[in-house]
Each structure stands twice: as C-alpha cells, then as structure tokens.
Amino acid sequence: MTDQNARREPSAAEKMFGDFAPALVHFTDDVLFGEVWQRTELTPKERSLVTVAALATAGNTDQLVFHLGLARENGNTEAELIEALTHLAFYAGWPRAMAAMAVAKNVFAA
C-alpha cells in the first residue's frame, strides 16, 4: 500500500460494505465512479440529472439522497432538480414523483 492509499478517506461504499462485500465496493468505486462517471460524452451535471431521473423513476429513494447532493455539487440547481422531478410525474408516475420530491425537500432543507 502506498502512502497515498494509506492516507485517503474510505469511500462511502467502503464504509458501508468494506470487508462484507469488497467486490461491490470495487465495482462502485473503480468502475462506476472511476470509469463510467469519468466518461466525457456527458458532463457531470448531465450525468447527475440522468441519474436522478433514473432513480426517481425506479423509486430508489435511498440512493436518491446521495445523488441529489451530488447533482447540486455537479452544477444542477435546486430549481432544475425540482423541475425534473415534476416533469417525471407524467412519465414515471405520480407516486414516484411525489416520493422523490419528498426526498428532495428533505435533502435541500439540510
């Protein structure tokens, strides 16, 4: 282990699943966030908006908490995210949009 690796903060996936599911940590950190999220065909802002829409559409509100925060870090405004979730009500279904909006309200209030 290099000095750089010894000093780095563990990722969220590593904190949650470290020794329990090391392969999932690897795929999350190295493949998803290390490769997929680094592709240049979409900006981080666009990638975040797509991810928020996919999570809201699928009803994955637990993951939505993290990704709404990341979406803001990547340049999406609260107004843009609220508008996207409102728009999804007509495509993903009212209950899923309402559930996602409740998560967004809590995330934005924090």
PDB file of N, CA and C in Angstrom:
ATOM      1  N   MET A   1       0.853  -1.180   0.000  1.00  0.00           N
ATOM      2  CA  MET A   1       0.000   0.000   0.000  1.00  0.00           C
ATOM      3  C   MET A   1       0.891   1.232   0.000  1.00  0.00           C
ATOM      4  N   THR A   2       0.603   2.180  -0.886  1.00  0.00           N
ATOM      5  CA  THR A   2       1.401   3.398  -0.938  1.00  0.00           C
ATOM      6  C   THR A   2       0.962   4.350   0.151  1.00  0.00           C
ATOM      7  N   ASP A   3       1.811   5.352   0.398  1.00  0.00           N
ATOM      8  CA  ASP A   3       1.455   6.364   1.400  1.00  0.00           C
ATOM      9  C   ASP A   3       0.167   7.075   1.024  1.00  0.00           C
ATOM     10  N   GLN A   4      -0.040   7.316  -0.284  1.00  0.00           N
ATOM     11  CA  GLN A   4      -1.254   7.994  -0.726  1.00  0.00           C
ATOM     12  C   GLN A   4      -2.484   7.163  -0.388  1.00  0.00           C
ATOM     13  N   ASN A   5      -2.460   5.858  -0.646  1.00  0.00           N
ATOM     14  CA  ASN A   5      -3.595   4.996  -0.329  1.00  0.00           C
ATOM     15  C   ASN A   5      -3.820   4.889   1.166  1.00  0.00           C
ATOM     16  N   ALA A   6      -2.752   4.920   1.937  1.00  0.00           N
ATOM     17  CA  ALA A   6      -2.866   4.797   3.391  1.00  0.00           C
ATOM     18  C   ALA A   6      -3.560   6.011   3.992  1.00  0.00           C
ATOM     19  N   ARG A   7      -3.437   7.166   3.367  1.00  0.00           N
ATOM     20  CA  ARG A   7      -3.991   8.403   3.918  1.00  0.00           C
ATOM     21  C   ARG A   7      -5.368   8.758   3.387  1.00  0.00           C
ATOM     22  N   ARG A   8      -5.808   8.137   2.315  1.00  0.00           N
ATOM     23  CA  ARG A   8      -7.081   8.539   1.718  1.00  0.00           C
ATOM     24  C   ARG A   8      -8.242   8.122   2.607  1.00  0.00           C
ATOM     25  N   GLU A   9      -9.271   8.914   2.549  1.00  0.00           N
ATOM     26  CA  GLU A   9     -10.513   8.640   3.292  1.00  0.00           C
ATOM     27  C   GLU A   9     -11.254   7.503   2.588  1.00  0.00           C
ATOM     28  N   PRO A  10     -11.771   6.523   3.324  1.00  0.00           N
ATOM     29  CA  PRO A  10     -12.545   5.461   2.677  1.00  0.00           C
ATOM     30  C   PRO A  10     -13.785   6.034   1.986  1.00  0.00           C
ATOM     31  N   SER A  11     -14.136   5.441   0.857  1.00  0.00           N
ATOM     32  CA  SER A  11     -15.334   5.869   0.132  1.00  0.00           C
ATOM     33  C   SER A  11     -16.577   5.495   0.928  1.00  0.00           C
ATOM     34  N   ALA A  12     -17.713   6.053   0.520  1.00  0.00           N
ATOM     35  CA  ALA A  12     -18.984   5.712   1.175  1.00  0.00           C
ATOM     36  C   ALA A  12     -19.267   4.217   1.039  1.00  0.00           C
ATOM     37  N   ALA A  13     -18.995   3.665  -0.148  1.00  0.00           N
ATOM     38  CA  ALA A  13     -19.225   2.233  -0.349  1.00  0.00           C
ATOM     39  C   ALA A  13     -18.313   1.413   0.554  1.00  0.00           C
ATOM     40  N   GLU A  14     -17.080   1.858   0.684  1.00  0.00           N
ATOM     41  CA  GLU A  14     -16.123   1.150   1.540  1.00  0.00           C
ATOM     42  C   GLU A  14     -16.552   1.199   3.006  1.00  0.00           C
ATOM     43  N   LYS A  15     -17.052   2.362   3.431  1.00  0.00           N
ATOM     44  CA  LYS A  15     -17.528   2.486   4.812  1.00  0.00           C
ATOM     45  C   LYS A  15     -18.724   1.573   5.062  1.00  0.00           C
ATOM     46  N   MET A  16     -19.615   1.472   4.082  1.00  0.00           N
ATOM     47  CA  MET A  16     -20.831   0.673   4.247  1.00  0.00           C
ATOM     48  C   MET A  16     -20.574  -0.826   4.127  1.00  0.00           C
ATOM     49  N   PHE A  17     -19.718  -1.222   3.167  1.00  0.00           N
ATOM     50  CA  PHE A  17     -19.617  -2.635   2.835  1.00  0.00           C
ATOM     51  C   PHE A  17     -18.204  -3.203   2.833  1.00  0.00           C
ATOM     52  N   GLY A  18     -17.202  -2.380   3.118  1.00  0.00           N
ATOM     53  CA  GLY A  18     -15.792  -2.760   3.113  1.00  0.00           C
ATOM     54  C   GLY A  18     -15.465  -4.236   3.071  1.00  0.00           C
ATOM     55  N   ASP A  19     -15.337  -4.871   4.227  1.00  0.00           N
ATOM     56  CA  ASP A  19     -14.971  -6.283   4.303  1.00  0.00           C
ATOM     57  C   ASP A  19     -16.132  -7.205   3.957  1.00  0.00           C
ATOM     58  N   PHE A  20     -17.357  -6.724   4.059  1.00  0.00           N
ATOM     59  CA  PHE A  20     -18.545  -7.539   3.827  1.00  0.00           C
ATOM     60  C   PHE A  20     -18.729  -7.860   2.347  1.00  0.00           C
ATOM     61  N   ALA A  21     -18.562  -6.856   1.482  1.00  0.00           N
ATOM     62  CA  ALA A  21     -18.776  -7.046   0.040  1.00  0.00           C
ATOM     63  C   ALA A  21     -17.715  -6.276  -0.750  1.00  0.00           C
ATOM     64  N   PRO A  22     -16.464  -6.723  -0.669  1.00  0.00           N
ATOM     65  CA  PRO A  22     -15.380  -5.976  -1.322  1.00  0.00           C
ATOM     66  C   PRO A  22     -15.531  -5.869  -2.841  1.00  0.00           C
ATOM     67  N   ALA A  23     -16.122  -6.857  -3.487  1.00  0.00           N
ATOM     68  CA  ALA A  23     -16.308  -6.767  -4.941  1.00  0.00           C
ATOM     69  C   ALA A  23     -17.274  -5.639  -5.287  1.00  0.00           C
ATOM     70  N   LEU A  24     -18.354  -5.496  -4.511  1.00  0.00           N
ATOM     71  CA  LEU A  24     -19.306  -4.412  -4.762  1.00  0.00           C
ATOM     72  C   LEU A  24     -18.632  -3.056  -4.545  1.00  0.00           C
ATOM     73  N   VAL A  25     -17.790  -2.956  -3.536  1.00  0.00           N
ATOM     74  CA  VAL A  25     -17.032  -1.716  -3.293  1.00  0.00           C
ATOM     75  C   VAL A  25     -16.139  -1.422  -4.497  1.00  0.00           C
ATOM     76  N   HIS A  26     -15.440  -2.425  -4.984  1.00  0.00           N
ATOM     77  CA  HIS A  26     -14.574  -2.250  -6.158  1.00  0.00           C
ATOM     78  C   HIS A  26     -15.375  -1.757  -7.362  1.00  0.00           C
ATOM     79  N   PHE A  27     -16.489  -2.431  -7.664  1.00  0.00           N
ATOM     80  CA  PHE A  27     -17.282  -2.031  -8.825  1.00  0.00           C
ATOM     81  C   PHE A  27     -17.846  -0.619  -8.657  1.00  0.00           C
ATOM     82  N   THR A  28     -18.254  -0.283  -7.452  1.00  0.00           N
ATOM     83  CA  THR A  28     -18.794   1.055  -7.190  1.00  0.00           C
ATOM     84  C   THR A  28     -17.719   2.117  -7.349  1.00  0.00           C
ATOM     85  N   ASP A  29     -16.603   1.918  -6.668  1.00  0.00           N
ATOM     86  CA  ASP A  29     -15.552   2.945  -6.643  1.00  0.00           C
ATOM     87  C   ASP A  29     -14.735   3.000  -7.929  1.00  0.00           C
ATOM     88  N   ASP A  30     -14.321   1.840  -8.412  1.00  0.00           N
ATOM     89  CA  ASP A  30     -13.399   1.812  -9.544  1.00  0.00           C
ATOM     90  C   ASP A  30     -14.085   1.805 -10.904  1.00  0.00           C
ATOM     91  N   VAL A  31     -15.186   1.087 -11.026  1.00  0.00           N
ATOM     92  CA  VAL A  31     -15.854   1.004 -12.318  1.00  0.00           C
ATOM     93  C   VAL A  31     -16.889   2.120 -12.464  1.00  0.00           C
ATOM     94  N   LEU A  32     -17.880   2.151 -11.565  1.00  0.00           N
ATOM     95  CA  LEU A  32     -18.940   3.146 -11.705  1.00  0.00           C
ATOM     96  C   LEU A  32     -18.406   4.578 -11.586  1.00  0.00           C
ATOM     97  N   PHE A  33     -17.814   4.898 -10.429  1.00  0.00           N
ATOM     98  CA  PHE A  33     -17.351   6.277 -10.244  1.00  0.00           C
ATOM     99  C   PHE A  33     -15.964   6.517 -10.828  1.00  0.00           C
ATOM    100  N   GLY A  34     -15.171   5.457 -10.987  1.00  0.00           N
ATOM    101  CA  GLY A  34     -13.835   5.613 -11.532  1.00  0.00           C
ATOM    102  C   GLY A  34     -13.783   5.629 -13.052  1.00  0.00           C
ATOM    103  N   GLU A  35     -14.698   4.910 -13.696  1.00  0.00           N
ATOM    104  CA  GLU A  35     -14.700   4.855 -15.159  1.00  0.00           C
ATOM    105  C   GLU A  35     -15.952   5.462 -15.779  1.00  0.00           C
ATOM    106  N   VAL A  36     -17.122   4.956 -15.408  1.00  0.00           N
ATOM    107  CA  VAL A  36     -18.360   5.396 -16.050  1.00  0.00           C
ATOM    108  C   VAL A  36     -18.583   6.892 -15.840  1.00  0.00           C
ATOM    109  N   TRP A  37     -18.484   7.347 -14.599  1.00  0.00           N
ATOM    110  CA  TRP A  37     -18.731   8.758 -14.310  1.00  0.00           C
ATOM    111  C   TRP A  37     -17.663   9.678 -14.902  1.00  0.00           C
ATOM    112  N   GLN A  38     -16.532   9.130 -15.314  1.00  0.00           N
ATOM    113  CA  GLN A  38     -15.452   9.952 -15.878  1.00  0.00           C
ATOM    114  C   GLN A  38     -15.518  10.058 -17.399  1.00  0.00           C
ATOM    115  N   ARG A  39     -16.426   9.350 -18.017  1.00  0.00           N
ATOM    116  CA  ARG A  39     -16.553   9.432 -19.470  1.00  0.00           C
ATOM    117  C   ARG A  39     -16.929  10.861 -19.859  1.00  0.00           C
ATOM    118  N   THR A  40     -16.437  11.307 -20.996  1.00  0.00           N
ATOM    119  CA  THR A  40     -16.588  12.716 -21.377  1.00  0.00           C
ATOM    120  C   THR A  40     -17.795  13.003 -22.276  1.00  0.00           C
ATOM    121  N   GLU A  41     -18.524  11.962 -22.682  1.00  0.00           N
ATOM    122  CA  GLU A  41     -19.652  12.193 -23.587  1.00  0.00           C
ATOM    123  C   GLU A  41     -20.794  12.957 -22.922  1.00  0.00           C
ATOM    124  N   LEU A  42     -20.908  12.874 -21.614  1.00  0.00           N
ATOM    125  CA  LEU A  42     -21.859  13.689 -20.841  1.00  0.00           C
ATOM    126  C   LEU A  42     -21.070  14.448 -19.788  1.00  0.00           C
ATOM    127  N   THR A  43     -21.516  15.656 -19.482  1.00  0.00           N
ATOM    128  CA  THR A  43     -20.889  16.408 -18.396  1.00  0.00           C
ATOM    129  C   THR A  43     -21.330  15.798 -17.064  1.00  0.00           C
ATOM    130  N   PRO A  44     -20.602  16.064 -15.996  1.00  0.00           N
ATOM    131  CA  PRO A  44     -21.063  15.594 -14.688  1.00  0.00           C
ATOM    132  C   PRO A  44     -22.465  16.100 -14.350  1.00  0.00           C
ATOM    133  N   LYS A  45     -22.786  17.329 -14.747  1.00  0.00           N
ATOM    134  CA  LYS A  45     -24.117  17.878 -14.494  1.00  0.00           C
ATOM    135  C   LYS A  45     -25.175  17.052 -15.213  1.00  0.00           C
ATOM    136  N   GLU A  46     -24.941  16.755 -16.494  1.00  0.00           N
ATOM    137  CA  GLU A  46     -25.889  15.956 -17.266  1.00  0.00           C
ATOM    138  C   GLU A  46     -25.999  14.542 -16.701  1.00  0.00           C
ATOM    139  N   ARG A  47     -24.862  13.954 -16.360  1.00  0.00           N
ATOM    140  CA  ARG A  47     -24.850  12.596 -15.819  1.00  0.00           C
ATOM    141  C   ARG A  47     -25.642  12.535 -14.516  1.00  0.00           C
ATOM    142  N   SER A  48     -25.500  13.564 -13.682  1.00  0.00           N
ATOM    143  CA  SER A  48     -26.256  13.614 -12.434  1.00  0.00           C
ATOM    144  C   SER A  48     -27.748  13.732 -12.676  1.00  0.00           C
ATOM    145  N   LEU A  49     -28.145  14.556 -13.625  1.00  0.00           N
ATOM    146  CA  LEU A  49     -29.564  14.726 -13.922  1.00  0.00           C
ATOM    147  C   LEU A  49     -30.167  13.420 -14.435  1.00  0.00           C
ATOM    148  N   VAL A  50     -29.445  12.723 -15.297  1.00  0.00           N
ATOM    149  CA  VAL A  50     -29.911  11.426 -15.792  1.00  0.00           C
ATOM    150  C   VAL A  50     -30.034  10.435 -14.637  1.00  0.00           C
ATOM    151  N   THR A  51     -29.069  10.435 -13.747  1.00  0.00           N
ATOM    152  CA  THR A  51     -29.078   9.507 -12.620  1.00  0.00           C
ATOM    153  C   THR A  51     -30.238   9.796 -11.676  1.00  0.00           C
ATOM    154  N   VAL A  52     -30.457  11.065 -11.361  1.00  0.00           N
ATOM    155  CA  VAL A  52     -31.589  11.439 -10.503  1.00  0.00           C
ATOM    156  C   VAL A  52     -32.897  11.003 -11.146  1.00  0.00           C
ATOM    157  N   ALA A  53     -33.031  11.233 -12.450  1.00  0.00           N
ATOM    158  CA  ALA A  53     -34.257  10.825 -13.148  1.00  0.00           C
ATOM    159  C   ALA A  53     -34.443   9.312 -13.107  1.00  0.00           C
ATOM    160  N   ALA A  54     -33.371   8.566 -13.327  1.00  0.00           N
ATOM    161  CA  ALA A  54     -33.473   7.103 -13.307  1.00  0.00           C
ATOM    162  C   ALA A  54     -33.831   6.589 -11.921  1.00  0.00           C
ATOM    163  N   LEU A  55     -33.210   7.136 -10.898  1.00  0.00           N
ATOM    164  CA  LEU A  55     -33.500   6.700  -9.530  1.00  0.00           C
ATOM    165  C   LEU A  55     -34.935   7.042  -9.144  1.00  0.00           C
ATOM    166  N   ALA A  56     -35.377   8.243  -9.491  1.00  0.00           N
ATOM    167  CA  ALA A  56     -36.755   8.643  -9.169  1.00  0.00           C
ATOM    168  C   ALA A  56     -37.753   7.764  -9.908  1.00  0.00           C
ATOM    169  N   THR A  57     -37.486   7.491 -11.167  1.00  0.00           N
ATOM    170  CA  THR A  57     -38.377   6.674 -11.982  1.00  0.00           C
ATOM    171  C   THR A  57     -38.497   5.255 -11.425  1.00  0.00           C
ATOM    172  N   ALA A  58     -37.392   4.731 -10.929  1.00  0.00           N
ATOM    173  CA  ALA A  58     -37.386   3.368 -10.393  1.00  0.00           C
ATOM    174  C   ALA A  58     -37.827   3.308  -8.932  1.00  0.00           C
ATOM    175  N   GLY A  59     -38.028   4.477  -8.311  1.00  0.00           N
ATOM    176  CA  GLY A  59     -38.451   4.505  -6.916  1.00  0.00           C
ATOM    177  C   GLY A  59     -37.334   4.228  -5.931  1.00  0.00           C
ATOM    178  N   ASN A  60     -36.093   4.439  -6.333  1.00  0.00           N
ATOM    179  CA  ASN A  60     -34.929   4.198  -5.471  1.00  0.00           C
ATOM    180  C   ASN A  60     -34.592   5.424  -4.633  1.00  0.00           C
ATOM    181  N   THR A  61     -35.449   5.707  -3.669  1.00  0.00           N
ATOM    182  CA  THR A  61     -35.285   6.940  -2.896  1.00  0.00           C
ATOM    183  C   THR A  61     -34.088   6.907  -1.955  1.00  0.00           C
ATOM    184  N   ASP A  62     -33.641   5.727  -1.514  1.00  0.00           N
ATOM    185  CA  ASP A  62     -32.459   5.683  -0.652  1.00  0.00           C
ATOM    186  C   ASP A  62     -31.237   6.215  -1.388  1.00  0.00           C
ATOM    187  N   GLN A  63     -31.031   5.780  -2.607  1.00  0.00           N
ATOM    188  CA  GLN A  63     -29.901   6.253  -3.411  1.00  0.00           C
ATOM    189  C   GLN A  63     -30.095   7.699  -3.867  1.00  0.00           C
ATOM    190  N   LEU A  64     -31.336   8.126  -3.956  1.00  0.00           N
ATOM    191  CA  LEU A  64     -31.639   9.484  -4.403  1.00  0.00           C
ATOM    192  C   LEU A  64     -31.077  10.539  -3.448  1.00  0.00           C
ATOM    193  N   VAL A  65     -31.027  10.236  -2.168  1.00  0.00           N
ATOM    194  CA  VAL A  65     -30.476  11.183  -1.187  1.00  0.00           C
ATOM    195  C   VAL A  65     -29.063  11.575  -1.588  1.00  0.00           C
ATOM    196  N   PHE A  66     -28.200  10.603  -1.803  1.00  0.00           N
ATOM    197  CA  PHE A  66     -26.817  10.881  -2.193  1.00  0.00           C
ATOM    198  C   PHE A  66     -26.756  11.602  -3.530  1.00  0.00           C
ATOM    199  N   HIS A  67     -27.526  11.122  -4.505  1.00  0.00           N
ATOM    200  CA  HIS A  67     -27.391  11.652  -5.861  1.00  0.00           C
ATOM    201  C   HIS A  67     -27.991  13.045  -6.038  1.00  0.00           C
ATOM    202  N   LEU A  68     -28.952  13.425  -5.222  1.00  0.00           N
ATOM    203  CA  LEU A  68     -29.419  14.821  -5.265  1.00  0.00           C
ATOM    204  C   LEU A  68     -28.311  15.752  -4.781  1.00  0.00           C
ATOM    205  N   GLY A  69     -27.617  15.353  -3.733  1.00  0.00           N
ATOM    206  CA  GLY A  69     -26.488  16.153  -3.255  1.00  0.00           C
ATOM    207  C   GLY A  69     -25.382  16.228  -4.288  1.00  0.00           C
ATOM    208  N   LEU A  70     -25.066  15.105  -4.905  1.00  0.00           N
ATOM    209  CA  LEU A  70     -24.040  15.091  -5.949  1.00  0.00           C
ATOM    210  C   LEU A  70     -24.470  15.929  -7.143  1.00  0.00           C
ATOM    211  N   ALA A  71     -25.753  15.877  -7.480  1.00  0.00           N
ATOM    212  CA  ALA A  71     -26.262  16.677  -8.600  1.00  0.00           C
ATOM    213  C   ALA A  71     -26.048  18.164  -8.341  1.00  0.00           C
ATOM    214  N   ARG A  72     -26.266  18.591  -7.120  1.00  0.00           N
ATOM    215  CA  ARG A  72     -26.007  20.001  -6.786  1.00  0.00           C
ATOM    216  C   ARG A  72     -24.522  20.307  -6.882  1.00  0.00           C
ATOM    217  N   GLU A  73     -23.683  19.406  -6.371  1.00  0.00           N
ATOM    218  CA  GLU A  73     -22.231  19.605  -6.482  1.00  0.00           C
ATOM    219  C   GLU A  73     -21.797  19.680  -7.939  1.00  0.00           C
ATOM    220  N   ASN A  74     -22.492  18.966  -8.801  1.00  0.00           N
ATOM    221  CA  ASN A  74     -22.148  18.937 -10.228  1.00  0.00           C
ATOM    222  C   ASN A  74     -22.800  20.062 -11.024  1.00  0.00           C
ATOM    223  N   GLY A  75     -23.434  21.027 -10.350  1.00  0.00           N
ATOM    224  CA  GLY A  75     -23.925  22.217 -11.030  1.00  0.00           C
ATOM    225  C   GLY A  75     -25.411  22.305 -11.270  1.00  0.00           C
ATOM    226  N   ASN A  76     -26.172  21.285 -10.914  1.00  0.00           N
ATOM    227  CA  ASN A  76     -27.630  21.378 -11.043  1.00  0.00           C
ATOM    228  C   ASN A  76     -28.167  22.239  -9.902  1.00  0.00           C
ATOM    229  N   THR A  77     -29.089  23.117 -10.222  1.00  0.00           N
ATOM    230  CA  THR A  77     -29.706  23.943  -9.180  1.00  0.00           C
ATOM    231  C   THR A  77     -30.880  23.186  -8.571  1.00  0.00           C
ATOM    232  N   GLU A  78     -31.279  23.616  -7.406  1.00  0.00           N
ATOM    233  CA  GLU A  78     -32.467  23.028  -6.785  1.00  0.00           C
ATOM    234  C   GLU A  78     -33.675  23.205  -7.697  1.00  0.00           C
ATOM    235  N   ALA A  79     -33.790  24.369  -8.313  1.00  0.00           N
ATOM    236  CA  ALA A  79     -34.924  24.625  -9.215  1.00  0.00           C
ATOM    237  C   ALA A  79     -34.925  23.652 -10.395  1.00  0.00           C
ATOM    238  N   GLU A  80     -33.756  23.369 -10.965  1.00  0.00           N
ATOM    239  CA  GLU A  80     -33.678  22.427 -12.077  1.00  0.00           C
ATOM    240  C   GLU A  80     -34.069  21.016 -11.635  1.00  0.00           C
ATOM    241  N   LEU A  81     -33.609  20.621 -10.470  1.00  0.00           N
ATOM    242  CA  LEU A  81     -33.920  19.279  -9.967  1.00  0.00           C
ATOM    243  C   LEU A  81     -35.398  19.144  -9.628  1.00  0.00           C
ATOM    244  N   ILE A  82     -35.972  20.173  -9.031  1.00  0.00           N
ATOM    245  CA  ILE A  82     -37.412  20.166  -8.733  1.00  0.00           C
ATOM    246  C   ILE A  82     -38.209  20.093 -10.032  1.00  0.00           C
ATOM    247  N   GLU A  83     -37.798  20.840 -11.032  1.00  0.00           N
ATOM    248  CA  GLU A  83     -38.486  20.814 -12.325  1.00  0.00           C
ATOM    249  C   GLU A  83     -38.380  19.437 -12.975  1.00  0.00           C
ATOM    250  N   ALA A  84     -37.216  18.825 -12.902  1.00  0.00           N
ATOM    251  CA  ALA A  84     -37.040  17.486 -13.478  1.00  0.00           C
ATOM    252  C   ALA A  84     -37.956  16.480 -12.785  1.00  0.00           C
ATOM    253  N   LEU A  85     -38.036  16.545 -11.463  1.00  0.00           N
ATOM    254  CA  LEU A  85     -38.904  15.621 -10.731  1.00  0.00           C
ATOM    255  C   LEU A  85     -40.373  15.889 -11.031  1.00  0.00           C
ATOM    256  N   THR A  86     -40.735  17.140 -11.185  1.00  0.00           N
ATOM    257  CA  THR A  86     -42.110  17.483 -11.557  1.00  0.00           C
ATOM    258  C   THR A  86     -42.428  16.936 -12.944  1.00  0.00           C
ATOM    259  N   HIS A  87     -41.517  17.101 -13.865  1.00  0.00           N
ATOM    260  CA  HIS A  87     -41.689  16.594 -15.230  1.00  0.00           C
ATOM    261  C   HIS A  87     -41.863  15.075 -15.231  1.00  0.00           C
ATOM    262  N   LEU A  88     -41.110  14.405 -14.371  1.00  0.00           N
ATOM    263  CA  LEU A  88     -41.171  12.939 -14.314  1.00  0.00           C
ATOM    264  C   LEU A  88     -42.523  12.413 -13.838  1.00  0.00           C
ATOM    265  N   ALA A  89     -43.285  13.235 -13.139  1.00  0.00           N
ATOM    266  CA  ALA A  89     -44.597  12.780 -12.657  1.00  0.00           C
ATOM    267  C   ALA A  89     -45.455  12.260 -13.812  1.00  0.00           C
ATOM    268  N   PHE A  90     -45.281  12.846 -14.980  1.00  0.00           N
ATOM    269  CA  PHE A  90     -46.097  12.478 -16.134  1.00  0.00           C
ATOM    270  C   PHE A  90     -45.541  11.273 -16.893  1.00  0.00           C
ATOM    271  N   TYR A  91     -44.310  10.888 -16.602  1.00  0.00           N
ATOM    272  CA  TYR A  91     -43.684   9.771 -17.299  1.00  0.00           C
ATOM    273  C   TYR A  91     -43.384   8.594 -16.373  1.00  0.00           C
ATOM    274  N   ALA A  92     -43.052   8.888 -15.121  1.00  0.00           N
ATOM    275  CA  ALA A  92     -42.682   7.834 -14.168  1.00  0.00           C
ATOM    276  C   ALA A  92     -43.831   7.472 -13.243  1.00  0.00           C
ATOM    277  N   GLY A  93     -44.824   8.337 -13.194  1.00  0.00           N
ATOM    278  CA  GLY A  93     -45.955   8.103 -12.310  1.00  0.00           C
ATOM    279  C   GLY A  93     -45.961   9.077 -11.134  1.00  0.00           C
ATOM    280  N   TRP A  94     -47.156   9.456 -10.767  1.00  0.00           N
ATOM    281  CA  TRP A  94     -47.340  10.438  -9.702  1.00  0.00           C
ATOM    282  C   TRP A  94     -46.745   9.994  -8.365  1.00  0.00           C
ATOM    283  N   PRO A  95     -47.013   8.762  -7.913  1.00  0.00           N
ATOM    284  CA  PRO A  95     -46.471   8.344  -6.610  1.00  0.00           C
ATOM    285  C   PRO A  95     -44.944   8.390  -6.557  1.00  0.00           C
ATOM    286  N   ARG A  96     -44.287   7.989  -7.613  1.00  0.00           N
ATOM    287  CA  ARG A  96     -42.814   8.014  -7.614  1.00  0.00           C
ATOM    288  C   ARG A  96     -42.286   9.437  -7.625  1.00  0.00           C
ATOM    289  N   ALA A  97     -42.925  10.306  -8.364  1.00  0.00           N
ATOM    290  CA  ALA A  97     -42.501  11.705  -8.376  1.00  0.00           C
ATOM    291  C   ALA A  97     -42.738  12.351  -7.018  1.00  0.00           C
ATOM    292  N   MET A  98     -43.854  12.041  -6.391  1.00  0.00           N
ATOM    293  CA  MET A  98     -44.140  12.596  -5.057  1.00  0.00           C
ATOM    294  C   MET A  98     -43.122  12.088  -4.036  1.00  0.00           C
ATOM    295  N   ALA A  99     -42.784  10.803  -4.095  1.00  0.00           N
ATOM    296  CA  ALA A  99     -41.794  10.238  -3.173  1.00  0.00           C
ATOM    297  C   ALA A  99     -40.421  10.877  -3.397  1.00  0.00           C
ATOM    298  N   ALA A 100     -40.051  11.043  -4.655  1.00  0.00           N
ATOM    299  CA  ALA A 100     -38.756  11.673  -4.978  1.00  0.00           C
ATOM    300  C   ALA A 100     -38.747  13.133  -4.533  1.00  0.00           C
ATOM    301  N   MET A 101     -39.872  13.823  -4.696  1.00  0.00           N
ATOM    302  CA  MET A 101     -39.929  15.228  -4.290  1.00  0.00           C
ATOM    303  C   MET A 101     -39.828  15.352  -2.786  1.00  0.00           C
ATOM    304  N   ALA A 102     -40.393  14.423  -2.034  1.00  0.00           N
ATOM    305  CA  ALA A 102     -40.269  14.437  -0.582  1.00  0.00           C
ATOM    306  C   ALA A 102     -38.815  14.277  -0.165  1.00  0.00           C
ATOM    307  N   VAL A 103     -38.092  13.399  -0.854  1.00  0.00           N
ATOM    308  CA  VAL A 103     -36.658  13.232  -0.579  1.00  0.00           C
ATOM    309  C   VAL A 103     -35.928  14.522  -0.899  1.00  0.00           C
ATOM    310  N   ALA A 104     -36.217  15.105  -2.054  1.00  0.00           N
ATOM    311  CA  ALA A 104     -35.549  16.351  -2.454  1.00  0.00           C
ATOM    312  C   ALA A 104     -35.811  17.459  -1.439  1.00  0.00           C
ATOM    313  N   LYS A 105     -37.027  17.577  -0.974  1.00  0.00           N
ATOM    314  CA  LYS A 105     -37.354  18.611   0.027  1.00  0.00           C
ATOM    315  C   LYS A 105     -36.495  18.445   1.270  1.00  0.00           C
ATOM    316  N   ASN A 106     -36.342  17.214   1.729  1.00  0.00           N
ATOM    317  CA  ASN A 106     -35.511  16.951   2.914  1.00  0.00           C
ATOM    318  C   ASN A 106     -34.038  17.212   2.650  1.00  0.00           C
ATOM    319  N   VAL A 107     -33.553  16.789   1.492  1.00  0.00           N
ATOM    320  CA  VAL A 107     -32.142  16.997   1.151  1.00  0.00           C
ATOM    321  C   VAL A 107     -31.838  18.481   1.039  1.00  0.00           C
ATOM    322  N   PHE A 108     -32.707  19.224   0.387  1.00  0.00           N
ATOM    323  CA  PHE A 108     -32.457  20.649   0.175  1.00  0.00           C
ATOM    324  C   PHE A 108     -32.600  21.448   1.467  1.00  0.00           C
ATOM    325  N   ALA A 109     -33.411  20.963   2.403  1.00  0.00           N
ATOM    326  CA  ALA A 109     -33.585  21.662   3.683  1.00  0.00           C
ATOM    327  C   ALA A 109     -32.390  21.455   4.606  1.00  0.00           C
ATOM    328  N   ALA A 110     -31.646  20.380   4.379  1.00  0.00           N
ATOM    329  CA  ALA A 110     -30.495  20.048   5.258  1.00  0.00           C
ATOM    330  C   ALA A 110     -29.317  20.968   5.027  1.00  0.00           C
TER     331      ALA A 110
END
